[in-house]
Structures are given as C-alpha cells and as structure tokens.
Amino acid sequence: MKRILKKNQIIITALAIMIAVAGYINYRDLVSKSSKDTKVSNVSLSLGETDAQTGDLLSNDAEPDDFSVTDPGATVLTGGTTGGSSTSTSTKQSDFIISAKLDREQVRAANKESLLDIINNSALDEAGKSEAVSRMIALTDIAEREAAAELLLEAKGFTDVIVSITDEQADVVVYRASLSDTERAQIEDIIKRKSGVSVENITISAVSSAADSAETSAGAGNESENETYGDGQPVS
C-alpha cells in the first residue's frame, strides 16, 4: 500500500513538474511574441514619423517663397549682355588665328604629300629620293620649332599668335592692337630660343579688328573710285 502511495506521489510530482515546465515555455513564447510585436510597432511608428517628416520637408521645399526664378534669370541675362562684346571679340581673334594656322597646315600637308610621291616613285634615282627625304625632315623640324615657340608664347600671355619659319626667317603675327617694346623683346627672346632664328631675322606684326576694319574700308573706297568718276559717271 505504501509503495502504491509513494508511486502515486512520484507520478503527481512528475506531472506537476511537466505542467510547470510547459507553463514556463508557454509564458516565454508569449513574452517573446509580445516583444516582437512591440518592436514591429515601434519600427512602423518610426517609419511613419520619418515619412511625415520627409513629406513636410518636400512640402517646404516646394514652397514658392523659398526661391526666386526671376533673379537668377536676370543675372544670367545681365551677364550675357555685359560679356557679349568681349566674347565676340575673342571669337573673332580665335577665328583669325585658327584660319591662319589652318592655311599653313594645308600648304605644309600638300608639300609633304608631294615629297612622299617623290620618295615612293620607283622611277627616280636614290639621289632624288634622298633629297626629298631631307626636305621632309626639314619640314618636320620647322613644324616642331613653330609649335614650340607658339606654345611658350601662349604660356606667356600671347594667346592669339602664329609663328611661321621660312629660310631661317621667322614671322610672328600677334592679334593685338599694339605691342610695347618690352613685349616685342620678350617675343624675340622666345622665338630665338625655341626656333634658333637670330633676332635680326625676326619680324613681329600686331593686327587687330580695328586694323581689319580700316583695311576693309580702304578696299571698299578703292572699289568705289574704280566704279565712278567725277559726277558719278562710270570710268570708260
């Protein structure tokens, strides 16, 4: 009888322990779930607040009082009007120099092509080909010296300039209304160092839009004189 009672107590104790363990596990699951729900709720709330703040910022940025369209436009227009004249002058200068350099390179390219035809002509003797090769080398050397001189002149502030070297003579054209003695001496020194041409063989010319206009006007006047005479009757 005692054994039966003792056995029943053990069973009851075991059941109680199992119930307690199950209750603890259930309680822990409930707490964990509640914590997750709280975190999700907090995250959702944070996202909602962030969206609201972002919406406010966008709304504030979209307010027309925060920026002006008229003022920047006026500034751009004013700047364009002010710089229009200098831009036009600078463009004309660049076009003048570019055109002169383009003409020079076209002539040089034609000369090189002719020399290449001579070099590749199987009917010519070696002496003729050798002379053509020497002239080709000379053209390349001149081109390199001109480029070196122009590069240094531009670095020294003479931005619109062209150098032409022919038979140890150097012609320098600077797109300026005038050049001071100091500037001419500086140009001569650069040409001498970069091209090897002596100072007495260097010719420096300054040209400007005013000079171009004067030449144009003079040309127009000459044409007018050729077309009429005295009371306007054509010259026979």
C-alpha atoms as a PDB file:
ATOM      1  CA  MET A   1       0.000   0.000   0.000  1.00  0.00           C
ATOM      2  CA  LYS A   2       2.814   2.347   0.912  1.00  0.00           C
ATOM      3  CA  ARG A   3       4.544   1.524  -2.325  1.00  0.00           C
ATOM      4  CA  ILE A   4       1.425   2.447  -4.270  1.00  0.00           C
ATOM      5  CA  LEU A   5       1.093   5.787  -2.448  1.00  0.00           C
ATOM      6  CA  LYS A   6       4.751   6.568  -2.976  1.00  0.00           C
ATOM      7  CA  LYS A   7       4.465   5.707  -6.642  1.00  0.00           C
ATOM      8  CA  ASN A   8       1.397   7.947  -6.985  1.00  0.00           C
ATOM      9  CA  GLN A   9       3.261  10.820  -5.334  1.00  0.00           C
ATOM     10  CA  ILE A  10       6.127  10.425  -7.755  1.00  0.00           C
ATOM     11  CA  ILE A  11       3.739  10.443 -10.693  1.00  0.00           C
ATOM     12  CA  ILE A  12       1.912  13.511  -9.337  1.00  0.00           C
ATOM     13  CA  THR A  13       5.212  15.295  -8.750  1.00  0.00           C
ATOM     14  CA  ALA A  14       6.385  14.471 -12.254  1.00  0.00           C
ATOM     15  CA  LEU A  15       3.103  15.721 -13.708  1.00  0.00           C
ATOM     16  CA  ALA A  16       3.388  18.932 -11.682  1.00  0.00           C
ATOM     17  CA  ILE A  17       6.922  19.490 -12.923  1.00  0.00           C
ATOM     18  CA  MET A  18       5.844  18.882 -16.519  1.00  0.00           C
ATOM     19  CA  ILE A  19       2.933  21.278 -16.119  1.00  0.00           C
ATOM     20  CA  ALA A  20       5.256  23.904 -14.650  1.00  0.00           C
ATOM     21  CA  VAL A  21       7.757  23.474 -17.462  1.00  0.00           C
ATOM     22  CA  ALA A  22       5.004  23.677 -20.082  1.00  0.00           C
ATOM     23  CA  GLY A  23       3.634  26.798 -18.435  1.00  0.00           C
ATOM     24  CA  TYR A  24       7.078  28.405 -18.379  1.00  0.00           C
ATOM     25  CA  ILE A  25       7.655  27.606 -22.027  1.00  0.00           C
ATOM     26  CA  ASN A  26       4.249  28.992 -22.950  1.00  0.00           C
ATOM     27  CA  TYR A  27       4.902  32.123 -20.916  1.00  0.00           C
ATOM     28  CA  ARG A  28       8.282  32.627 -22.578  1.00  0.00           C
ATOM     29  CA  ASP A  29       6.729  32.307 -26.047  1.00  0.00           C
ATOM     30  CA  LEU A  30       4.072  34.853 -25.142  1.00  0.00           C
ATOM     31  CA  VAL A  31       6.681  37.303 -23.864  1.00  0.00           C
ATOM     32  CA  SER A  32       8.837  36.827 -26.959  1.00  0.00           C
ATOM     33  CA  LYS A  33       5.886  37.361 -29.269  1.00  0.00           C
ATOM     34  CA  SER A  34       4.820  40.440 -27.356  1.00  0.00           C
ATOM     35  CA  SER A  35       8.342  41.862 -27.619  1.00  0.00           C
ATOM     36  CA  LYS A  36       8.427  41.273 -31.372  1.00  0.00           C
ATOM     37  CA  ASP A  37       5.042  42.934 -31.799  1.00  0.00           C
ATOM     38  CA  THR A  38       6.268  45.896 -29.812  1.00  0.00           C
ATOM     39  CA  LYS A  39       9.397  46.198 -31.969  1.00  0.00           C
ATOM     40  CA  VAL A  40       7.363  45.974 -35.162  1.00  0.00           C
ATOM     41  CA  SER A  41       5.006  48.590 -33.832  1.00  0.00           C
ATOM     42  CA  ASN A  42       7.893  50.870 -32.926  1.00  0.00           C
ATOM     43  CA  VAL A  43       9.507  50.410 -36.336  1.00  0.00           C
ATOM     44  CA  SER A  44       6.222  51.163 -38.071  1.00  0.00           C
ATOM     45  CA  LEU A  45       5.793  54.233 -35.917  1.00  0.00           C
ATOM     46  CA  SER A  46       9.327  55.374 -36.709  1.00  0.00           C
ATOM     47  CA  LEU A  47       8.780  54.858 -40.412  1.00  0.00           C
ATOM     48  CA  GLY A  48       5.535  56.754 -40.200  1.00  0.00           C
ATOM     49  CA  GLU A  49       7.224  59.650 -38.445  1.00  0.00           C
ATOM     50  CA  THR A  50      10.051  59.615 -40.994  1.00  0.00           C
ATOM     51  CA  ASP A  51       7.598  59.680 -43.886  1.00  0.00           C
ATOM     52  CA  ALA A  52       5.742  62.520 -42.235  1.00  0.00           C
ATOM     53  CA  GLN A  53       8.948  64.491 -41.755  1.00  0.00           C
ATOM     54  CA  THR A  54      10.004  63.798 -45.331  1.00  0.00           C
ATOM     55  CA  GLY A  55       6.628  64.945 -46.555  1.00  0.00           C
ATOM     56  CA  ASP A  56       6.976  68.145 -44.549  1.00  0.00           C
ATOM     57  CA  LEU A  57      10.428  68.762 -45.984  1.00  0.00           C
ATOM     58  CA  LEU A  58       9.214  68.192 -49.525  1.00  0.00           C
ATOM     59  CA  SER A  59       6.266  70.424 -48.889  1.00  0.00           C
ATOM     60  CA  ASN A  60       8.520  73.130 -47.501  1.00  0.00           C
ATOM     61  CA  ASP A  61      10.939  72.777 -50.427  1.00  0.00           C
ATOM     62  CA  ALA A  62       8.069  73.178 -52.832  1.00  0.00           C
ATOM     63  CA  GLU A  63       7.006  76.490 -51.328  1.00  0.00           C
ATOM     64  CA  PRO A  64       7.351  79.193 -53.997  1.00  0.00           C
ATOM     65  CA  ASP A  65       8.587  81.720 -51.439  1.00  0.00           C
ATOM     66  CA  ASP A  66      11.748  79.718 -50.794  1.00  0.00           C
ATOM     67  CA  PHE A  67      13.396  80.539 -54.130  1.00  0.00           C
ATOM     68  CA  SER A  68      13.169  83.026 -56.948  1.00  0.00           C
ATOM     69  CA  VAL A  69      13.236  82.332 -60.662  1.00  0.00           C
ATOM     70  CA  THR A  70      13.290  85.929 -61.791  1.00  0.00           C
ATOM     71  CA  ASP A  71      16.500  86.983 -60.057  1.00  0.00           C
ATOM     72  CA  PRO A  72      18.776  84.228 -61.436  1.00  0.00           C
ATOM     73  CA  GLY A  73      17.353  84.789 -64.890  1.00  0.00           C
ATOM     74  CA  ALA A  74      18.035  88.477 -64.657  1.00  0.00           C
ATOM     75  CA  THR A  75      21.573  87.765 -63.532  1.00  0.00           C
ATOM     76  CA  VAL A  76      22.205  85.468 -66.485  1.00  0.00           C
ATOM     77  CA  LEU A  77      20.761  87.952 -68.932  1.00  0.00           C
ATOM     78  CA  THR A  78      22.765  90.796 -67.451  1.00  0.00           C
ATOM     79  CA  GLY A  79      25.956  88.749 -67.564  1.00  0.00           C
ATOM     80  CA  GLY A  80      25.309  87.779 -71.162  1.00  0.00           C
ATOM     81  CA  THR A  81      24.724  91.384 -72.153  1.00  0.00           C
ATOM     82  CA  THR A  82      27.845  92.586 -70.386  1.00  0.00           C
ATOM     83  CA  GLY A  83      30.148  89.907 -71.793  1.00  0.00           C
ATOM     84  CA  GLY A  84      28.709  89.834 -75.295  1.00  0.00           C
ATOM     85  CA  SER A  85      31.167  92.311 -76.778  1.00  0.00           C
ATOM     86  CA  SER A  86      34.289  90.679 -75.305  1.00  0.00           C
ATOM     87  CA  THR A  87      33.039  87.239 -76.313  1.00  0.00           C
ATOM     88  CA  SER A  88      32.521  88.401 -79.889  1.00  0.00           C
ATOM     89  CA  THR A  89      35.995  89.964 -79.984  1.00  0.00           C
ATOM     90  CA  SER A  90      37.611  86.853 -78.524  1.00  0.00           C
ATOM     91  CA  THR A  91      35.793  84.661 -81.040  1.00  0.00           C
ATOM     92  CA  LYS A  92      36.994  86.835 -83.914  1.00  0.00           C
ATOM     93  CA  GLN A  93      40.567  86.652 -82.631  1.00  0.00           C
ATOM     94  CA  SER A  94      40.419  82.882 -82.337  1.00  0.00           C
ATOM     95  CA  ASP A  95      38.883  82.549 -85.801  1.00  0.00           C
ATOM     96  CA  PHE A  96      41.652  84.700 -87.296  1.00  0.00           C
ATOM     97  CA  ILE A  97      44.442  82.645 -85.753  1.00  0.00           C
ATOM     98  CA  ILE A  98      42.726  79.319 -86.452  1.00  0.00           C
ATOM     99  CA  SER A  99      42.230  80.277 -90.094  1.00  0.00           C
ATOM    100  CA  ALA A 100      45.874  81.315 -90.473  1.00  0.00           C
ATOM    101  CA  LYS A 101      47.149  78.117 -88.860  1.00  0.00           C
ATOM    102  CA  LEU A 102      44.778  76.027 -90.973  1.00  0.00           C
ATOM    103  CA  ASP A 103      46.087  77.613 -94.168  1.00  0.00           C
ATOM    104  CA  ARG A 104      49.650  76.979 -93.029  1.00  0.00           C
ATOM    105  CA  GLU A 105      48.969  73.320 -92.270  1.00  0.00           C
ATOM    106  CA  GLN A 106      47.162  72.806 -95.572  1.00  0.00           C
ATOM    107  CA  VAL A 107      50.155  74.131 -97.515  1.00  0.00           C
ATOM    108  CA  ARG A 108      52.500  72.031 -95.419  1.00  0.00           C
ATOM    109  CA  ALA A 109      50.391  68.904 -95.934  1.00  0.00           C
ATOM    110  CA  ALA A 110      50.388  69.453 -99.695  1.00  0.00           C
ATOM    111  CA  ASN A 111      54.187  69.825 -99.691  1.00  0.00           C
ATOM    112  CA  LYS A 112      54.618  66.650 -97.657  1.00  0.00           C
ATOM    113  CA  GLU A 113      52.320  64.754 -99.998  1.00  0.00           C
ATOM    114  CA  SER A 114      54.391  65.861-102.980  1.00  0.00           C
ATOM    115  CA  LEU A 115      57.586  64.784-101.238  1.00  0.00           C
ATOM    116  CA  LEU A 116      56.077  61.402-100.392  1.00  0.00           C
ATOM    117  CA  ASP A 117      55.172  60.911-104.042  1.00  0.00           C
ATOM    118  CA  ILE A 118      58.795  61.575-104.935  1.00  0.00           C
ATOM    119  CA  ILE A 119      60.101  59.219-102.257  1.00  0.00           C
ATOM    120  CA  ASN A 120      57.748  56.424-103.330  1.00  0.00           C
ATOM    121  CA  ASN A 121      58.404  56.888-107.048  1.00  0.00           C
ATOM    122  CA  SER A 122      60.378  53.858-108.173  1.00  0.00           C
ATOM    123  CA  ALA A 123      61.417  55.608-111.393  1.00  0.00           C
ATOM    124  CA  LEU A 124      63.561  58.170-109.540  1.00  0.00           C
ATOM    125  CA  ASP A 125      67.149  57.558-108.558  1.00  0.00           C
ATOM    126  CA  GLU A 126      68.373  57.402-104.987  1.00  0.00           C
ATOM    127  CA  ALA A 127      69.785  60.924-105.107  1.00  0.00           C
ATOM    128  CA  GLY A 128      66.375  62.417-105.857  1.00  0.00           C
ATOM    129  CA  LYS A 129      64.737  60.344-103.146  1.00  0.00           C
ATOM    130  CA  SER A 130      67.410  61.308-100.639  1.00  0.00           C
ATOM    131  CA  GLU A 131      66.833  64.985-101.362  1.00  0.00           C
ATOM    132  CA  ALA A 132      63.080  64.529-100.878  1.00  0.00           C
ATOM    133  CA  VAL A 133      63.693  62.791 -97.553  1.00  0.00           C
ATOM    134  CA  SER A 134      65.923  65.664 -96.421  1.00  0.00           C
ATOM    135  CA  ARG A 135      63.254  68.193 -97.315  1.00  0.00           C
ATOM    136  CA  MET A 136      60.650  66.126 -95.477  1.00  0.00           C
ATOM    137  CA  ILE A 137      62.846  66.120 -92.364  1.00  0.00           C
ATOM    138  CA  ALA A 138      63.326  69.885 -92.693  1.00  0.00           C
ATOM    139  CA  LEU A 139      59.563  70.458 -92.883  1.00  0.00           C
ATOM    140  CA  THR A 140      59.040  68.371 -89.767  1.00  0.00           C
ATOM    141  CA  ASP A 141      61.777  70.272 -87.931  1.00  0.00           C
ATOM    142  CA  ILE A 142      60.248  73.630 -88.859  1.00  0.00           C
ATOM    143  CA  ALA A 143      56.820  72.493 -87.713  1.00  0.00           C
ATOM    144  CA  GLU A 144      58.234  71.398 -84.363  1.00  0.00           C
ATOM    145  CA  ARG A 145      60.072  74.698 -83.831  1.00  0.00           C
ATOM    146  CA  GLU A 146      56.975  76.714 -84.732  1.00  0.00           C
ATOM    147  CA  ALA A 147      54.830  74.686 -82.349  1.00  0.00           C
ATOM    148  CA  ALA A 148      57.356  75.052 -79.508  1.00  0.00           C
ATOM    149  CA  ALA A 149      57.548  78.820 -79.977  1.00  0.00           C
ATOM    150  CA  GLU A 150      53.768  79.231 -80.169  1.00  0.00           C
ATOM    151  CA  LEU A 151      53.264  77.106 -77.072  1.00  0.00           C
ATOM    152  CA  LEU A 152      55.669  79.192 -74.978  1.00  0.00           C
ATOM    153  CA  LEU A 153      54.272  82.470 -76.309  1.00  0.00           C
ATOM    154  CA  GLU A 154      50.763  81.382 -75.335  1.00  0.00           C
ATOM    155  CA  ALA A 155      52.032  80.423 -71.886  1.00  0.00           C
ATOM    156  CA  LYS A 156      53.457  83.942 -71.525  1.00  0.00           C
ATOM    157  CA  GLY A 157      50.099  85.547 -72.306  1.00  0.00           C
ATOM    158  CA  PHE A 158      50.209  85.919 -76.090  1.00  0.00           C
ATOM    159  CA  THR A 159      47.181  83.688 -76.583  1.00  0.00           C
ATOM    160  CA  ASP A 160      46.417  84.638 -80.199  1.00  0.00           C
ATOM    161  CA  VAL A 161      49.698  84.208 -82.052  1.00  0.00           C
ATOM    162  CA  ILE A 162      51.070  82.374 -85.056  1.00  0.00           C
ATOM    163  CA  VAL A 163      54.725  81.749 -85.929  1.00  0.00           C
ATOM    164  CA  SER A 164      55.949  80.996 -89.439  1.00  0.00           C
ATOM    165  CA  ILE A 165      59.564  79.991 -90.134  1.00  0.00           C
ATOM    166  CA  THR A 166      60.932  80.079 -93.688  1.00  0.00           C
ATOM    167  CA  ASP A 167      64.595  80.021 -94.744  1.00  0.00           C
ATOM    168  CA  GLU A 168      65.797  80.980 -91.258  1.00  0.00           C
ATOM    169  CA  GLN A 169      63.342  83.866 -91.196  1.00  0.00           C
ATOM    170  CA  ALA A 170      60.640  83.988 -88.526  1.00  0.00           C
ATOM    171  CA  ASP A 171      57.396  85.912 -88.973  1.00  0.00           C
ATOM    172  CA  VAL A 172      55.297  86.371 -85.839  1.00  0.00           C
ATOM    173  CA  VAL A 173      51.709  87.628 -86.011  1.00  0.00           C
ATOM    174  CA  VAL A 174      50.036  88.646 -82.750  1.00  0.00           C
ATOM    175  CA  TYR A 175      46.370  89.549 -82.706  1.00  0.00           C
ATOM    176  CA  ARG A 176      46.667  92.753 -80.673  1.00  0.00           C
ATOM    177  CA  ALA A 177      46.128  96.419 -81.338  1.00  0.00           C
ATOM    178  CA  SER A 178      49.732  97.184 -80.373  1.00  0.00           C
ATOM    179  CA  LEU A 179      52.797  95.752 -78.671  1.00  0.00           C
ATOM    180  CA  SER A 180      55.108  97.507 -76.259  1.00  0.00           C
ATOM    181  CA  ASP A 181      58.878  97.404 -76.630  1.00  0.00           C
ATOM    182  CA  THR A 182      59.043  95.066 -73.643  1.00  0.00           C
ATOM    183  CA  GLU A 183      56.550  92.674 -75.231  1.00  0.00           C
ATOM    184  CA  ARG A 184      58.421  92.717 -78.532  1.00  0.00           C
ATOM    185  CA  ALA A 185      61.683  91.961 -76.739  1.00  0.00           C
ATOM    186  CA  GLN A 186      60.000  89.086 -74.900  1.00  0.00           C
ATOM    187  CA  ILE A 187      58.658  87.660 -78.162  1.00  0.00           C
ATOM    188  CA  GLU A 188      62.050  87.961 -79.850  1.00  0.00           C
ATOM    189  CA  ASP A 189      63.742  86.156 -76.964  1.00  0.00           C
ATOM    190  CA  ILE A 190      61.242  83.275 -77.097  1.00  0.00           C
ATOM    191  CA  ILE A 191      61.498  82.930 -80.881  1.00  0.00           C
ATOM    192  CA  LYS A 192      65.277  82.973 -80.718  1.00  0.00           C
ATOM    193  CA  ARG A 193      65.421  80.277 -78.027  1.00  0.00           C
ATOM    194  CA  LYS A 194      62.786  77.971 -79.489  1.00  0.00           C
ATOM    195  CA  SER A 195      63.465  78.328 -83.208  1.00  0.00           C
ATOM    196  CA  GLY A 196      67.137  79.250 -83.399  1.00  0.00           C
ATOM    197  CA  VAL A 197      66.399  82.241 -85.634  1.00  0.00           C
ATOM    198  CA  SER A 198      68.529  85.308 -84.898  1.00  0.00           C
ATOM    199  CA  VAL A 199      66.828  88.486 -83.676  1.00  0.00           C
ATOM    200  CA  GLU A 200      67.591  90.465 -86.845  1.00  0.00           C
ATOM    201  CA  ASN A 201      65.661  87.870 -88.871  1.00  0.00           C
ATOM    202  CA  ILE A 202      62.520  88.025 -86.711  1.00  0.00           C
ATOM    203  CA  THR A 203      59.573  90.111 -87.925  1.00  0.00           C
ATOM    204  CA  ILE A 204      56.760  90.824 -85.464  1.00  0.00           C
ATOM    205  CA  SER A 205      53.381  92.147 -86.626  1.00  0.00           C
ATOM    206  CA  ALA A 206      50.456  93.215 -84.459  1.00  0.00           C
ATOM    207  CA  VAL A 207      47.000  93.092 -86.011  1.00  0.00           C
ATOM    208  CA  SER A 208      43.600  93.916 -84.554  1.00  0.00           C
ATOM    209  CA  SER A 209      39.950  94.164 -85.505  1.00  0.00           C
ATOM    210  CA  ALA A 210      40.383  97.914 -85.907  1.00  0.00           C
ATOM    211  CA  ALA A 211      43.140  97.364 -88.463  1.00  0.00           C
ATOM    212  CA  ASP A 212      40.982  94.816 -90.245  1.00  0.00           C
ATOM    213  CA  SER A 213      38.120  97.327 -90.392  1.00  0.00           C
ATOM    214  CA  ALA A 214      40.442 100.001 -91.771  1.00  0.00           C
ATOM    215  CA  GLU A 215      41.667  97.639 -94.481  1.00  0.00           C
ATOM    216  CA  THR A 216      38.100  96.718 -95.342  1.00  0.00           C
ATOM    217  CA  SER A 217      37.079 100.372 -95.553  1.00  0.00           C
ATOM    218  CA  ALA A 218      40.097 101.187 -97.703  1.00  0.00           C
ATOM    219  CA  GLY A 219      39.271  98.340-100.044  1.00  0.00           C
ATOM    220  CA  ALA A 220      35.678  99.487-100.345  1.00  0.00           C
ATOM    221  CA  GLY A 221      36.851 103.039-101.093  1.00  0.00           C
ATOM    222  CA  ASN A 222      39.152 101.843-103.860  1.00  0.00           C
ATOM    223  CA  GLU A 223      36.342  99.867-105.450  1.00  0.00           C
ATOM    224  CA  SER A 224      34.114 102.930-105.331  1.00  0.00           C
ATOM    225  CA  GLU A 225      36.778 105.053-107.033  1.00  0.00           C
ATOM    226  CA  ASN A 226      37.200 102.450-109.759  1.00  0.00           C
ATOM    227  CA  GLU A 227      33.487 102.344-110.466  1.00  0.00           C
ATOM    228  CA  THR A 228      32.672 106.078-110.641  1.00  0.00           C
ATOM    229  CA  TYR A 229      34.429 109.294-111.563  1.00  0.00           C
ATOM    230  CA  GLY A 230      33.555 112.952-111.048  1.00  0.00           C
ATOM    231  CA  ASP A 231      29.769 113.341-111.264  1.00  0.00           C
ATOM    232  CA  GLY A 232      29.191 109.647-110.871  1.00  0.00           C
ATOM    233  CA  GLN A 233      29.664 108.609-114.493  1.00  0.00           C
ATOM    234  CA  PRO A 234      31.416 105.248-114.961  1.00  0.00           C
ATOM    235  CA  VAL A 235      35.051 105.378-115.979  1.00  0.00           C
ATOM    236  CA  SER A 236      35.433 104.379-119.616  1.00  0.00           C
END
